């Protein structure tokens, strides 16, 4: 075999970070060692895998073809190494989750996973839907748990569990307890919204797309808890997953607004790169996710610890 796993590891890191120096830091190598490994790989096969565009290194056509195969081979090599070392656990896993899933479900899943497989390593990245899809496409994440749509041809999507958003307000707000509210009235209200690129915002805007009016966005926040606090203080109304509102509705610190004109249902989904090798750890994590929602119709029915 004319290439080494180290050469492939350097190639993958450079492809992901678009820089030899950044790849070297991630791999704990000197820049010269990383540069030499990449140059030797290209020299051995008389090929070029990356093109320099400004200050960045971008994959060319051959590099794009090689990247998923190199990632899959490195994943398998890691499994072999851990088997030979006799290590406990099921290897390492890089999971990305969108904010609702990351804040309310992913940490519980990871805790269960680590207890069942001590010695395993899990890294969790919490971002919005667009960012998680991008990182899965770039092979920076093994698995994504998202709450928005994914229509990327390089990414496999599998449904997980139904979710539903709810429009809500402070119990002191003028719309509290008023029964069904028409969309035209909602559009006149001040909204505390998620940022562009979030699955929550996309679902809400898609639900209202049949009207010409636009939401009056007073404030954009990237975090669900921040939106809840802003709405609770009376700044405006919001819309997030019922899963995130369950305890607040129970306490009465926030109240739902009935919105018969808006279809706010959506799907939580698993995503991974279509060329991804499903290692043991990834298969086991997916099994635990499905076990958590077995017999559940909607995310806010999942049995979670109550917040007082």
C-alpha atoms as a PDB file:
ATOM      1  CA  UNK A   1       0.000   0.000   0.000  1.00  0.00           C
ATOM      2  CA  UNK A   2       1.554   3.282  -1.138  1.00  0.00           C
ATOM      3  CA  UNK A   3      -0.239   5.635   1.279  1.00  0.00           C
ATOM      4  CA  UNK A   4      -0.391   5.806   5.062  1.00  0.00           C
ATOM      5  CA  UNK A   5      -3.245   6.511   7.451  1.00  0.00           C
ATOM      6  CA  UNK A   6      -1.318   9.547   8.687  1.00  0.00           C
ATOM      7  CA  UNK A   7      -1.265  10.976   5.150  1.00  0.00           C
ATOM      8  CA  UNK A   8      -5.026  10.477   4.863  1.00  0.00           C
ATOM      9  CA  UNK A   9      -5.547  12.001   8.298  1.00  0.00           C
ATOM     10  CA  UNK A  10      -3.635  15.104   7.269  1.00  0.00           C
ATOM     11  CA  UNK A  11      -5.519  15.313   3.964  1.00  0.00           C
ATOM     12  CA  UNK A  12      -8.899  15.123   5.735  1.00  0.00           C
ATOM     13  CA  UNK A  13      -7.909  17.741   8.312  1.00  0.00           C
ATOM     14  CA  UNK A  14      -6.639  20.133   5.629  1.00  0.00           C
ATOM     15  CA  UNK A  15      -9.829  19.617   3.608  1.00  0.00           C
ATOM     16  CA  UNK A  16     -11.968  20.412   6.649  1.00  0.00           C
ATOM     17  CA  UNK A  17      -9.999  23.444   7.846  1.00  0.00           C
ATOM     18  CA  UNK A  18      -8.808  24.688   4.425  1.00  0.00           C
ATOM     19  CA  UNK A  19      -5.395  25.373   5.938  1.00  0.00           C
ATOM     20  CA  UNK A  20      -2.280  23.294   6.620  1.00  0.00           C
ATOM     21  CA  UNK A  21      -1.428  25.291   9.745  1.00  0.00           C
ATOM     22  CA  UNK A  22      -4.894  24.833  11.284  1.00  0.00           C
ATOM     23  CA  UNK A  23      -4.892  21.129  10.352  1.00  0.00           C
ATOM     24  CA  UNK A  24      -1.480  20.724  11.987  1.00  0.00           C
ATOM     25  CA  UNK A  25      -2.744  22.281  15.230  1.00  0.00           C
ATOM     26  CA  UNK A  26      -5.767  19.959  15.318  1.00  0.00           C
ATOM     27  CA  UNK A  27      -3.565  16.905  14.749  1.00  0.00           C
ATOM     28  CA  UNK A  28      -0.859  18.105  17.162  1.00  0.00           C
ATOM     29  CA  UNK A  29       1.749  18.084  14.365  1.00  0.00           C
ATOM     30  CA  UNK A  30       4.262  20.663  13.268  1.00  0.00           C
ATOM     31  CA  UNK A  31       3.227  22.588  10.183  1.00  0.00           C
ATOM     32  CA  UNK A  32       6.187  21.192   8.262  1.00  0.00           C
ATOM     33  CA  UNK A  33       5.232  17.598   9.162  1.00  0.00           C
ATOM     34  CA  UNK A  34       1.646  18.137   8.007  1.00  0.00           C
ATOM     35  CA  UNK A  35       2.767  19.851   4.814  1.00  0.00           C
ATOM     36  CA  UNK A  36       5.233  17.036   4.079  1.00  0.00           C
ATOM     37  CA  UNK A  37       2.611  14.323   4.618  1.00  0.00           C
ATOM     38  CA  UNK A  38       0.188  15.987   2.217  1.00  0.00           C
ATOM     39  CA  UNK A  39       2.871  16.680  -0.395  1.00  0.00           C
ATOM     40  CA  UNK A  40       4.134  13.080  -0.176  1.00  0.00           C
ATOM     41  CA  UNK A  41       0.609  11.717  -0.727  1.00  0.00           C
ATOM     42  CA  UNK A  42       0.197  13.831  -3.849  1.00  0.00           C
ATOM     43  CA  UNK A  43       3.722  13.010  -5.088  1.00  0.00           C
ATOM     44  CA  UNK A  44       3.295   9.246  -4.687  1.00  0.00           C
ATOM     45  CA  UNK A  45       0.274   9.263  -6.980  1.00  0.00           C
ATOM     46  CA  UNK A  46       1.351  12.162  -9.187  1.00  0.00           C
ATOM     47  CA  UNK A  47      -1.855  14.055  -8.455  1.00  0.00           C
ATOM     48  CA  UNK A  48      -3.141  17.241  -6.888  1.00  0.00           C
ATOM     49  CA  UNK A  49      -5.962  17.087  -4.337  1.00  0.00           C
ATOM     50  CA  UNK A  50      -6.366  20.734  -3.321  1.00  0.00           C
ATOM     51  CA  UNK A  51      -6.161  24.087  -5.070  1.00  0.00           C
ATOM     52  CA  UNK A  52      -5.031  27.302  -3.429  1.00  0.00           C
ATOM     53  CA  UNK A  53      -7.750  29.969  -3.594  1.00  0.00           C
ATOM     54  CA  UNK A  54      -6.475  33.136  -1.944  1.00  0.00           C
ATOM     55  CA  UNK A  55      -5.244  32.108   1.489  1.00  0.00           C
ATOM     56  CA  UNK A  56      -7.321  28.927   1.586  1.00  0.00           C
ATOM     57  CA  UNK A  57      -6.857  25.417   0.246  1.00  0.00           C
ATOM     58  CA  UNK A  58      -9.963  24.132  -1.534  1.00  0.00           C
ATOM     59  CA  UNK A  59     -10.685  20.575  -2.647  1.00  0.00           C
ATOM     60  CA  UNK A  60     -10.543  20.018  -6.391  1.00  0.00           C
ATOM     61  CA  UNK A  61     -12.615  17.382  -8.209  1.00  0.00           C
ATOM     62  CA  UNK A  62     -10.306  14.498  -7.256  1.00  0.00           C
ATOM     63  CA  UNK A  63     -10.106  15.729  -3.671  1.00  0.00           C
ATOM     64  CA  UNK A  64     -13.918  15.771  -3.426  1.00  0.00           C
ATOM     65  CA  UNK A  65     -14.023  12.144  -4.575  1.00  0.00           C
ATOM     66  CA  UNK A  66     -11.323  11.088  -2.136  1.00  0.00           C
ATOM     67  CA  UNK A  67     -12.594  12.861   0.989  1.00  0.00           C
ATOM     68  CA  UNK A  68     -15.581  10.610   1.922  1.00  0.00           C
ATOM     69  CA  UNK A  69     -13.561   7.457   1.200  1.00  0.00           C
ATOM     70  CA  UNK A  70     -10.668   8.696   3.340  1.00  0.00           C
ATOM     71  CA  UNK A  71     -13.023   9.572   6.222  1.00  0.00           C
ATOM     72  CA  UNK A  72     -14.683   6.139   6.059  1.00  0.00           C
ATOM     73  CA  UNK A  73     -11.314   4.381   6.016  1.00  0.00           C
ATOM     74  CA  UNK A  74     -10.081   6.365   9.025  1.00  0.00           C
ATOM     75  CA  UNK A  75     -13.285   5.522  10.926  1.00  0.00           C
ATOM     76  CA  UNK A  76     -12.718   1.805  10.284  1.00  0.00           C
ATOM     77  CA  UNK A  77      -9.063   2.093  11.234  1.00  0.00           C
ATOM     78  CA  UNK A  78     -10.038   3.653  14.558  1.00  0.00           C
ATOM     79  CA  UNK A  79     -12.345   0.704  15.277  1.00  0.00           C
ATOM     80  CA  UNK A  80      -9.548  -1.752  14.478  1.00  0.00           C
ATOM     81  CA  UNK A  81      -7.103   0.127  16.711  1.00  0.00           C
ATOM     82  CA  UNK A  82      -9.479   0.167  19.671  1.00  0.00           C
ATOM     83  CA  UNK A  83     -10.242  -3.534  19.209  1.00  0.00           C
ATOM     84  CA  UNK A  84      -6.527  -4.405  19.205  1.00  0.00           C
ATOM     85  CA  UNK A  85      -5.925  -2.266  22.280  1.00  0.00           C
ATOM     86  CA  UNK A  86      -8.741  -4.066  24.076  1.00  0.00           C
ATOM     87  CA  UNK A  87     -10.308  -0.737  25.040  1.00  0.00           C
ATOM     88  CA  UNK A  88     -13.735  -0.537  26.554  1.00  0.00           C
ATOM     89  CA  UNK A  89     -16.381   1.542  24.867  1.00  0.00           C
ATOM     90  CA  UNK A  90     -17.333   1.892  21.249  1.00  0.00           C
ATOM     91  CA  UNK A  91     -14.888   4.545  20.059  1.00  0.00           C
ATOM     92  CA  UNK A  92     -15.383   8.267  19.587  1.00  0.00           C
ATOM     93  CA  UNK A  93     -18.412  10.084  18.240  1.00  0.00           C
ATOM     94  CA  UNK A  94     -18.866  13.676  17.070  1.00  0.00           C
ATOM     95  CA  UNK A  95     -22.537  14.621  17.357  1.00  0.00           C
ATOM     96  CA  UNK A  96     -24.136  17.854  16.221  1.00  0.00           C
ATOM     97  CA  UNK A  97     -27.550  18.910  17.486  1.00  0.00           C
ATOM     98  CA  UNK A  98     -29.793  21.864  16.827  1.00  0.00           C
ATOM     99  CA  UNK A  99     -30.658  24.009  19.825  1.00  0.00           C
ATOM    100  CA  UNK A 100     -33.936  22.440  20.931  1.00  0.00           C
ATOM    101  CA  UNK A 101     -32.567  18.909  20.660  1.00  0.00           C
ATOM    102  CA  UNK A 102     -29.184  19.875  22.082  1.00  0.00           C
ATOM    103  CA  UNK A 103     -30.622  21.634  25.123  1.00  0.00           C
ATOM    104  CA  UNK A 104     -33.377  19.179  26.012  1.00  0.00           C
ATOM    105  CA  UNK A 105     -32.535  15.727  24.620  1.00  0.00           C
ATOM    106  CA  UNK A 106     -28.921  15.318  23.476  1.00  0.00           C
ATOM    107  CA  UNK A 107     -27.254  15.659  26.879  1.00  0.00           C
ATOM    108  CA  UNK A 108     -29.547  12.991  28.350  1.00  0.00           C
ATOM    109  CA  UNK A 109     -28.802  10.689  25.419  1.00  0.00           C
ATOM    110  CA  UNK A 110     -25.056  11.221  25.754  1.00  0.00           C
ATOM    111  CA  UNK A 111     -25.222  10.539  29.495  1.00  0.00           C
ATOM    112  CA  UNK A 112     -27.053   7.257  28.850  1.00  0.00           C
ATOM    113  CA  UNK A 113     -24.578   6.364  26.093  1.00  0.00           C
ATOM    114  CA  UNK A 114     -21.539   7.011  28.314  1.00  0.00           C
ATOM    115  CA  UNK A 115     -22.981   4.997  31.195  1.00  0.00           C
ATOM    116  CA  UNK A 116     -23.624   2.036  28.915  1.00  0.00           C
ATOM    117  CA  UNK A 117     -20.242   2.344  27.187  1.00  0.00           C
ATOM    118  CA  UNK A 118     -17.635   3.692  29.631  1.00  0.00           C
ATOM    119  CA  UNK A 119     -14.432   4.580  27.877  1.00  0.00           C
ATOM    120  CA  UNK A 120     -16.218   5.989  24.844  1.00  0.00           C
ATOM    121  CA  UNK A 121     -15.675   9.606  23.826  1.00  0.00           C
ATOM    122  CA  UNK A 122     -18.475  11.891  22.690  1.00  0.00           C
ATOM    123  CA  UNK A 123     -18.219  15.522  21.568  1.00  0.00           C
ATOM    124  CA  UNK A 124     -21.432  17.562  21.219  1.00  0.00           C
ATOM    125  CA  UNK A 125     -21.731  20.657  19.053  1.00  0.00           C
ATOM    126  CA  UNK A 126     -24.951  22.696  19.389  1.00  0.00           C
ATOM    127  CA  UNK A 127     -25.709  24.959  16.421  1.00  0.00           C
ATOM    128  CA  UNK A 128     -28.657  25.884  14.207  1.00  0.00           C
ATOM    129  CA  UNK A 129     -29.928  23.563  11.473  1.00  0.00           C
ATOM    130  CA  UNK A 130     -28.010  25.176   8.620  1.00  0.00           C
ATOM    131  CA  UNK A 131     -24.704  24.972  10.504  1.00  0.00           C
ATOM    132  CA  UNK A 132     -25.213  21.311  11.471  1.00  0.00           C
ATOM    133  CA  UNK A 133     -25.993  20.331   7.863  1.00  0.00           C
ATOM    134  CA  UNK A 134     -22.881  22.175   6.634  1.00  0.00           C
ATOM    135  CA  UNK A 135     -20.652  20.404   9.176  1.00  0.00           C
ATOM    136  CA  UNK A 136     -22.076  16.981   8.306  1.00  0.00           C
ATOM    137  CA  UNK A 137     -21.476  17.698   4.618  1.00  0.00           C
ATOM    138  CA  UNK A 138     -17.863  18.632   5.395  1.00  0.00           C
ATOM    139  CA  UNK A 139     -17.347  15.415   7.441  1.00  0.00           C
ATOM    140  CA  UNK A 140     -16.748  17.467  10.587  1.00  0.00           C
ATOM    141  CA  UNK A 141     -19.595  15.642  12.378  1.00  0.00           C
ATOM    142  CA  UNK A 142     -20.428  11.938  12.389  1.00  0.00           C
ATOM    143  CA  UNK A 143     -24.117  12.483  13.091  1.00  0.00           C
ATOM    144  CA  UNK A 144     -26.541  15.389  13.163  1.00  0.00           C
ATOM    145  CA  UNK A 145     -29.804  15.673  15.084  1.00  0.00           C
ATOM    146  CA  UNK A 146     -31.820  18.440  13.441  1.00  0.00           C
ATOM    147  CA  UNK A 147     -35.242  20.049  13.653  1.00  0.00           C
ATOM    148  CA  UNK A 148     -35.354  21.636  10.198  1.00  0.00           C
ATOM    149  CA  UNK A 149     -35.451  20.474   6.601  1.00  0.00           C
ATOM    150  CA  UNK A 150     -32.400  19.001   4.876  1.00  0.00           C
ATOM    151  CA  UNK A 151     -32.447  18.774   1.102  1.00  0.00           C
ATOM    152  CA  UNK A 152     -28.712  18.246   0.526  1.00  0.00           C
ATOM    153  CA  UNK A 153     -27.941  15.438  -1.940  1.00  0.00           C
ATOM    154  CA  UNK A 154     -24.777  14.509  -0.010  1.00  0.00           C
ATOM    155  CA  UNK A 155     -26.656  13.988   3.243  1.00  0.00           C
ATOM    156  CA  UNK A 156     -28.915  11.102   4.281  1.00  0.00           C
ATOM    157  CA  UNK A 157     -31.963  12.091   6.341  1.00  0.00           C
ATOM    158  CA  UNK A 158     -33.963   9.686   8.496  1.00  0.00           C
ATOM    159  CA  UNK A 159     -37.047  10.747  10.506  1.00  0.00           C
ATOM    160  CA  UNK A 160     -36.848  10.461  14.287  1.00  0.00           C
ATOM    161  CA  UNK A 161     -39.891  11.886  16.085  1.00  0.00           C
ATOM    162  CA  UNK A 162     -42.618  14.452  15.430  1.00  0.00           C
ATOM    163  CA  UNK A 163     -42.302  17.885  17.013  1.00  0.00           C
ATOM    164  CA  UNK A 164     -44.655  20.848  17.189  1.00  0.00           C
ATOM    165  CA  UNK A 165     -43.994  24.527  17.746  1.00  0.00           C
ATOM    166  CA  UNK A 166     -46.238  26.732  19.854  1.00  0.00           C
ATOM    167  CA  UNK A 167     -46.777  30.477  19.769  1.00  0.00           C
ATOM    168  CA  UNK A 168     -46.684  31.808  23.310  1.00  0.00           C
ATOM    169  CA  UNK A 169     -46.739  34.933  25.432  1.00  0.00           C
ATOM    170  CA  UNK A 170     -46.541  36.203  28.984  1.00  0.00           C
ATOM    171  CA  UNK A 171     -49.693  35.625  31.077  1.00  0.00           C
ATOM    172  CA  UNK A 172     -49.858  39.441  31.340  1.00  0.00           C
ATOM    173  CA  UNK A 173     -49.859  39.945  27.550  1.00  0.00           C
ATOM    174  CA  UNK A 174     -52.994  41.268  25.810  1.00  0.00           C
ATOM    175  CA  UNK A 175     -53.367  38.010  23.828  1.00  0.00           C
ATOM    176  CA  UNK A 176     -53.176  35.729  26.874  1.00  0.00           C
ATOM    177  CA  UNK A 177     -56.311  33.619  27.272  1.00  0.00           C
ATOM    178  CA  UNK A 178     -58.076  35.263  24.306  1.00  0.00           C
ATOM    179  CA  UNK A 179     -58.843  32.023  22.441  1.00  0.00           C
ATOM    180  CA  UNK A 180     -57.965  31.501  18.762  1.00  0.00           C
ATOM    181  CA  UNK A 181     -56.001  34.426  17.279  1.00  0.00           C
ATOM    182  CA  UNK A 182     -56.073  35.226  13.554  1.00  0.00           C
ATOM    183  CA  UNK A 183     -52.772  35.391  11.670  1.00  0.00           C
ATOM    184  CA  UNK A 184     -53.304  39.041  10.671  1.00  0.00           C
ATOM    185  CA  UNK A 185     -53.393  39.966  14.365  1.00  0.00           C
ATOM    186  CA  UNK A 186     -50.287  37.910  15.085  1.00  0.00           C
ATOM    187  CA  UNK A 187     -48.365  39.685  12.328  1.00  0.00           C
ATOM    188  CA  UNK A 188     -49.031  43.020  14.029  1.00  0.00           C
ATOM    189  CA  UNK A 189     -47.461  41.882  17.291  1.00  0.00           C
ATOM    190  CA  UNK A 190     -43.809  42.343  18.306  1.00  0.00           C
ATOM    191  CA  UNK A 191     -41.948  39.034  17.881  1.00  0.00           C
ATOM    192  CA  UNK A 192     -38.912  37.615  19.622  1.00  0.00           C
ATOM    193  CA  UNK A 193     -37.500  35.381  16.876  1.00  0.00           C
ATOM    194  CA  UNK A 194     -34.780  32.822  16.326  1.00  0.00           C
ATOM    195  CA  UNK A 195     -32.012  33.793  13.924  1.00  0.00           C
ATOM    196  CA  UNK A 196     -32.003  33.123  10.168  1.00  0.00           C
ATOM    197  CA  UNK A 197     -30.863  29.560   9.470  1.00  0.00           C
ATOM    198  CA  UNK A 198     -32.705  28.010  12.414  1.00  0.00           C
ATOM    199  CA  UNK A 199     -35.216  25.219  11.779  1.00  0.00           C
ATOM    200  CA  UNK A 200     -37.655  26.843  14.206  1.00  0.00           C
ATOM    201  CA  UNK A 201     -37.769  30.120  12.294  1.00  0.00           C
ATOM    202  CA  UNK A 202     -38.047  28.341   8.947  1.00  0.00           C
ATOM    203  CA  UNK A 203     -41.030  26.279  10.162  1.00  0.00           C
ATOM    204  CA  UNK A 204     -42.830  29.408  11.412  1.00  0.00           C
ATOM    205  CA  UNK A 205     -42.182  31.402   8.240  1.00  0.00           C
ATOM    206  CA  UNK A 206     -43.256  28.482   6.048  1.00  0.00           C
ATOM    207  CA  UNK A 207     -46.476  28.162   8.054  1.00  0.00           C
ATOM    208  CA  UNK A 208     -47.308  31.820   7.347  1.00  0.00           C
ATOM    209  CA  UNK A 209     -46.159  31.902   3.725  1.00  0.00           C
ATOM    210  CA  UNK A 210     -49.740  32.061   2.381  1.00  0.00           C
ATOM    211  CA  UNK A 211     -50.045  35.617   3.754  1.00  0.00           C
ATOM    212  CA  UNK A 212     -48.355  38.667   2.296  1.00  0.00           C
ATOM    213  CA  UNK A 213     -47.654  40.218   5.669  1.00  0.00           C
ATOM    214  CA  UNK A 214     -44.309  39.768   7.374  1.00  0.00           C
ATOM    215  CA  UNK A 215     -43.506  39.167  11.011  1.00  0.00           C
ATOM    216  CA  UNK A 216     -42.648  42.276  12.981  1.00  0.00           C
ATOM    217  CA  UNK A 217     -39.333  41.085  14.434  1.00  0.00           C
ATOM    218  CA  UNK A 218     -38.411  43.151  17.462  1.00  0.00           C
ATOM    219  CA  UNK A 219     -35.474  40.998  18.553  1.00  0.00           C
ATOM    220  CA  UNK A 220     -33.507  38.019  17.196  1.00  0.00           C
ATOM    221  CA  UNK A 221     -31.917  35.596  19.644  1.00  0.00           C
ATOM    222  CA  UNK A 222     -29.946  32.415  19.028  1.00  0.00           C
ATOM    223  CA  UNK A 223     -31.033  30.642  22.204  1.00  0.00           C
ATOM    224  CA  UNK A 224     -34.422  29.227  23.127  1.00  0.00           C
ATOM    225  CA  UNK A 225     -34.064  30.090  26.805  1.00  0.00           C
ATOM    226  CA  UNK A 226     -33.271  33.695  25.903  1.00  0.00           C
ATOM    227  CA  UNK A 227     -36.449  33.911  23.820  1.00  0.00           C
ATOM    228  CA  UNK A 228     -38.504  32.493  26.690  1.00  0.00           C
ATOM    229  CA  UNK A 229     -37.046  34.999  29.161  1.00  0.00           C
ATOM    230  CA  UNK A 230     -37.653  37.930  26.785  1.00  0.00           C
ATOM    231  CA  UNK A 231     -41.269  36.889  26.204  1.00  0.00           C
ATOM    232  CA  UNK A 232     -41.801  36.281  29.918  1.00  0.00           C
ATOM    233  CA  UNK A 233     -40.620  39.849  30.603  1.00  0.00           C
ATOM    234  CA  UNK A 234     -43.288  41.203  28.231  1.00  0.00           C
ATOM    235  CA  UNK A 235     -41.128  42.247  25.264  1.00  0.00           C
ATOM    236  CA  UNK A 236     -43.293  40.421  22.745  1.00  0.00           C
ATOM    237  CA  UNK A 237     -44.499  36.996  21.667  1.00  0.00           C
ATOM    238  CA  UNK A 238     -42.426  34.009  20.518  1.00  0.00           C
ATOM    239  CA  UNK A 239     -42.567  30.602  18.888  1.00  0.00           C
ATOM    240  CA  UNK A 240     -40.469  27.605  19.911  1.00  0.00           C
ATOM    241  CA  UNK A 241     -40.921  23.871  20.361  1.00  0.00           C
ATOM    242  CA  UNK A 242     -43.549  22.654  22.837  1.00  0.00           C
ATOM    243  CA  UNK A 243     -40.773  20.473  24.219  1.00  0.00           C
ATOM    244  CA  UNK A 244     -38.979  23.630  25.403  1.00  0.00           C
ATOM    245  CA  UNK A 245     -42.169  25.157  26.796  1.00  0.00           C
ATOM    246  CA  UNK A 246     -43.577  22.202  28.710  1.00  0.00           C
ATOM    247  CA  UNK A 247     -42.338  23.238  32.166  1.00  0.00           C
ATOM    248  CA  UNK A 248     -43.104  26.941  31.638  1.00  0.00           C
ATOM    249  CA  UNK A 249     -46.687  26.111  30.591  1.00  0.00           C
ATOM    250  CA  UNK A 250     -47.053  23.858  33.650  1.00  0.00           C
ATOM    251  CA  UNK A 251     -45.828  26.633  35.971  1.00  0.00           C
ATOM    252  CA  UNK A 252     -47.917  29.283  34.233  1.00  0.00           C
ATOM    253  CA  UNK A 253     -44.965  31.614  33.632  1.00  0.00           C
ATOM    254  CA  UNK A 254     -45.769  31.437  29.905  1.00  0.00           C
ATOM    255  CA  UNK A 255     -49.066  30.648  28.181  1.00  0.00           C
ATOM    256  CA  UNK A 256     -49.869  29.260  24.721  1.00  0.00           C
ATOM    257  CA  UNK A 257     -51.609  31.299  22.039  1.00  0.00           C
ATOM    258  CA  UNK A 258     -54.081  29.279  19.950  1.00  0.00           C
ATOM    259  CA  UNK A 259     -53.171  29.695  16.241  1.00  0.00           C
ATOM    260  CA  UNK A 260     -55.549  27.639  14.065  1.00  0.00           C
ATOM    261  CA  UNK A 261     -54.229  29.174  10.823  1.00  0.00           C
ATOM    262  CA  UNK A 262     -50.651  28.001  11.405  1.00  0.00           C
ATOM    263  CA  UNK A 263     -49.465  24.428  10.841  1.00  0.00           C
ATOM    264  CA  UNK A 264     -46.496  24.305  13.209  1.00  0.00           C
ATOM    265  CA  UNK A 265     -45.768  20.584  13.062  1.00  0.00           C
ATOM    266  CA  UNK A 266     -42.331  19.401  11.963  1.00  0.00           C
ATOM    267  CA  UNK A 267     -39.962  16.446  12.222  1.00  0.00           C
ATOM    268  CA  UNK A 268     -36.850  15.831  14.282  1.00  0.00           C
ATOM    269  CA  UNK A 269     -34.420  13.929  12.047  1.00  0.00           C
ATOM    270  CA  UNK A 270     -31.059  12.157  11.976  1.00  0.00           C
ATOM    271  CA  UNK A 271     -28.591  13.158   9.284  1.00  0.00           C
ATOM    272  CA  UNK A 272     -25.204  11.827   8.188  1.00  0.00           C
ATOM    273  CA  UNK A 273     -23.058  12.016   5.078  1.00  0.00           C
ATOM    274  CA  UNK A 274     -24.160   9.548   2.432  1.00  0.00           C
ATOM    275  CA  UNK A 275     -20.620   8.094   2.272  1.00  0.00           C
ATOM    276  CA  UNK A 276     -20.298   7.877   6.044  1.00  0.00           C
ATOM    277  CA  UNK A 277     -19.269   4.535   7.516  1.00  0.00           C
ATOM    278  CA  UNK A 278     -21.675   3.794  10.396  1.00  0.00           C
ATOM    279  CA  UNK A 279     -19.233   2.680  13.071  1.00  0.00           C
ATOM    280  CA  UNK A 280     -20.355   0.760  16.158  1.00  0.00           C
ATOM    281  CA  UNK A 281     -20.633   3.883  18.316  1.00  0.00           C
ATOM    282  CA  UNK A 282     -22.829   5.680  15.792  1.00  0.00           C
ATOM    283  CA  UNK A 283     -25.142   2.683  15.382  1.00  0.00           C
ATOM    284  CA  UNK A 284     -25.452   2.345  19.168  1.00  0.00           C
ATOM    285  CA  UNK A 285     -26.201   6.054  19.624  1.00  0.00           C
ATOM    286  CA  UNK A 286     -28.919   5.895  16.969  1.00  0.00           C
ATOM    287  CA  UNK A 287     -30.407   2.875  18.744  1.00  0.00           C
ATOM    288  CA  UNK A 288     -30.582   4.800  22.037  1.00  0.00           C
ATOM    289  CA  UNK A 289     -32.226   7.771  20.302  1.00  0.00           C
ATOM    290  CA  UNK A 290     -34.919   5.542  18.845  1.00  0.00           C
ATOM    291  CA  UNK A 291     -35.344   3.776  22.184  1.00  0.00           C
ATOM    292  CA  UNK A 292     -35.959   7.134  23.915  1.00  0.00           C
ATOM    293  CA  UNK A 293     -38.868   7.924  21.580  1.00  0.00           C
ATOM    294  CA  UNK A 294     -40.329   4.422  21.242  1.00  0.00           C
ATOM    295  CA  UNK A 295     -44.123   4.641  21.467  1.00  0.00           C
ATOM    296  CA  UNK A 296     -43.969   8.464  21.537  1.00  0.00           C
ATOM    297  CA  UNK A 297     -46.117  10.457  19.105  1.00  0.00           C
ATOM    298  CA  UNK A 298     -44.588  13.890  19.737  1.00  0.00           C
ATOM    299  CA  UNK A 299     -41.425  15.233  21.352  1.00  0.00           C
ATOM    300  CA  UNK A 300     -43.145  16.922  24.311  1.00  0.00           C
ATOM    301  CA  UNK A 301     -44.434  13.509  25.407  1.00  0.00           C
ATOM    302  CA  UNK A 302     -40.902  12.264  26.107  1.00  0.00           C
ATOM    303  CA  UNK A 303     -40.345  11.538  29.778  1.00  0.00           C
ATOM    304  CA  UNK A 304     -37.840  14.172  30.947  1.00  0.00           C
ATOM    305  CA  UNK A 305     -36.887  15.494  34.392  1.00  0.00           C
ATOM    306  CA  UNK A 306     -39.127  18.422  35.374  1.00  0.00           C
ATOM    307  CA  UNK A 307     -37.605  21.835  35.922  1.00  0.00           C
ATOM    308  CA  UNK A 308     -39.034  23.617  38.929  1.00  0.00           C
END
